[in-house]
Amino acid sequence: MATLGSTPSIMPINRCGLPTVIRTTWRPANPGRRFYCCPKPEPNDGFQDWVDPPMCARSVMIIPGLLNNMNQLQQTARESAAIARENASKARRFKIMLGLSWLFFVMYLMME
């Protein structure tokens, strides 16, 4: 199929006769490793060959933790953005109430 560590200019042909596609696995055993597979949706011929050479043991240990941290940070960012939108909405309401209170105050002063 392909030589480890090289990406050919022409994609290898799959068992079904179609050119393979390159996908990335994020499973704990091979996080971030690219592989050739069938372009058809499931069920397909599946895994064909690795594009990349095997990762060192340290990378395999570190990458899942980094992915978890990244996912947690993204979730925190989404939650913070939702809180910021809610606070902006409250601030708009308070500004409107403040404006109305000043309007009523000026009207009261004019009536006296």
Protein backbone atom coordinates (compact mmCIF):
# COMPACT_ATOMS: atom_id res chain seq x y z
CA MET A 1 0.00 0.00 0.00
CA ALA A 2 1.90 3.09 1.18
CA THR A 3 5.28 3.54 2.72
CA LEU A 4 5.08 4.56 6.35
CA GLY A 5 5.44 8.28 6.82
CA SER A 6 4.82 9.23 3.20
CA THR A 7 1.69 10.66 1.60
CA PRO A 8 1.50 9.64 -2.04
CA SER A 9 0.46 12.14 -4.70
CA ILE A 10 -2.01 9.53 -6.01
CA MET A 11 -4.31 7.98 -3.43
CA PRO A 12 -4.17 4.18 -3.18
CA ILE A 13 -7.13 2.31 -4.64
CA ASN A 14 -9.49 0.70 -2.16
CA ARG A 15 -10.66 -2.94 -2.38
CA CYS A 16 -13.98 -1.67 -3.79
CA GLY A 17 -12.12 0.08 -6.64
CA LEU A 18 -12.51 3.68 -5.40
CA PRO A 19 -9.58 5.90 -4.35
CA THR A 20 -9.12 5.82 -0.58
CA VAL A 21 -9.52 8.87 1.65
CA ILE A 22 -7.35 9.93 4.57
CA ARG A 23 -9.03 10.13 7.96
CA THR A 24 -7.70 10.71 11.48
CA THR A 25 -8.32 8.42 14.41
CA TRP A 26 -8.71 9.81 17.92
CA ARG A 27 -8.94 6.48 19.69
CA PRO A 28 -6.71 6.13 22.76
CA ALA A 29 -4.35 3.62 21.10
CA ASN A 30 -3.55 5.86 18.08
CA PRO A 31 -4.63 9.45 18.82
CA GLY A 32 -4.09 11.84 15.92
CA ARG A 33 -2.82 9.15 13.59
CA ARG A 34 -3.92 9.34 9.93
CA PHE A 35 -5.02 6.31 7.94
CA TYR A 36 -6.36 5.34 4.52
CA CYS A 37 -9.91 4.04 4.39
CA CYS A 38 -12.86 3.48 2.07
CA PRO A 39 -14.67 6.68 1.01
CA LYS A 40 -18.10 5.05 1.27
CA PRO A 41 -20.25 5.63 4.37
CA GLU A 42 -20.65 2.73 6.79
CA PRO A 43 -20.66 -0.19 6.11
CA ASN A 44 -17.49 0.08 4.10
CA ASP A 45 -14.17 -1.70 3.64
CA GLY A 46 -12.83 0.27 6.60
CA PHE A 47 -9.17 0.66 7.53
CA GLN A 48 -6.63 0.06 4.76
CA ASP A 49 -3.21 1.27 5.92
CA TRP A 50 -1.52 3.91 8.06
CA VAL A 51 -0.36 7.17 6.45
CA ASP A 52 1.81 8.16 9.41
CA PRO A 53 4.47 6.18 11.25
CA PRO A 54 3.52 4.95 14.74
CA MET A 55 3.60 7.57 17.47
CA CYS A 56 5.93 7.32 20.42
CA ALA A 57 4.48 6.07 23.71
CA ARG A 58 4.77 9.53 25.29
CA SER A 59 2.60 11.08 22.53
CA VAL A 60 0.00 8.36 22.95
CA MET A 61 -0.09 9.18 26.70
CA ILE A 62 -0.23 12.97 26.32
CA ILE A 63 -2.60 13.56 23.38
CA PRO A 64 -5.81 12.17 25.00
CA GLY A 65 -5.28 14.42 28.04
CA LEU A 66 -4.71 17.43 25.78
CA LEU A 67 -7.89 16.61 23.84
CA ASN A 68 -9.88 16.33 27.08
CA ASN A 69 -8.50 19.69 28.27
CA MET A 70 -9.33 21.30 24.92
CA ASN A 71 -12.89 19.91 25.01
CA GLN A 72 -13.36 21.19 28.58
CA LEU A 73 -12.06 24.64 27.61
CA GLN A 74 -14.40 24.77 24.61
CA GLN A 75 -17.35 23.82 26.84
CA THR A 76 -16.34 26.51 29.36
CA ALA A 77 -16.07 29.07 26.54
CA ARG A 78 -19.56 28.17 25.29
CA GLU A 79 -20.98 28.50 28.81
CA SER A 80 -19.19 31.84 29.31
CA ALA A 81 -20.52 33.14 26.00
CA ALA A 82 -24.07 32.19 27.04
CA ILE A 83 -23.63 34.00 30.37
CA ALA A 84 -22.22 37.06 28.55
CA ARG A 85 -25.25 37.13 26.21
CA GLU A 86 -27.59 36.88 29.18
CA ASN A 87 -25.75 39.70 31.01
CA ALA A 88 -25.85 41.90 27.90
CA SER A 89 -29.61 41.36 27.69
CA LYS A 90 -30.01 42.31 31.35
CA ALA A 91 -27.87 45.43 30.82
CA ARG A 92 -30.10 46.53 27.92
CA ARG A 93 -33.21 46.11 30.10
CA PHE A 94 -31.61 48.13 32.93
CA LYS A 95 -30.66 50.91 30.51
CA ILE A 96 -34.23 51.07 29.24
CA MET A 97 -35.57 51.18 32.81
CA LEU A 98 -33.07 53.91 33.70
CA GLY A 99 -34.07 55.95 30.65
CA LEU A 100 -37.76 55.58 31.51
CA SER A 101 -37.16 56.57 35.12
CA TRP A 102 -35.37 59.75 33.96
CA LEU A 103 -38.18 60.48 31.55
CA PHE A 104 -40.75 60.16 34.33
CA PHE A 105 -38.59 62.30 36.62
CA VAL A 106 -38.33 65.08 34.01
CA MET A 107 -42.08 64.89 33.36
CA TYR A 108 -42.72 65.17 37.12
CA LEU A 109 -40.48 68.26 37.34
CA MET A 110 -42.25 69.87 34.39
CA MET A 111 -45.70 69.31 35.95
CA GLU A 112 -44.84 71.21 39.14
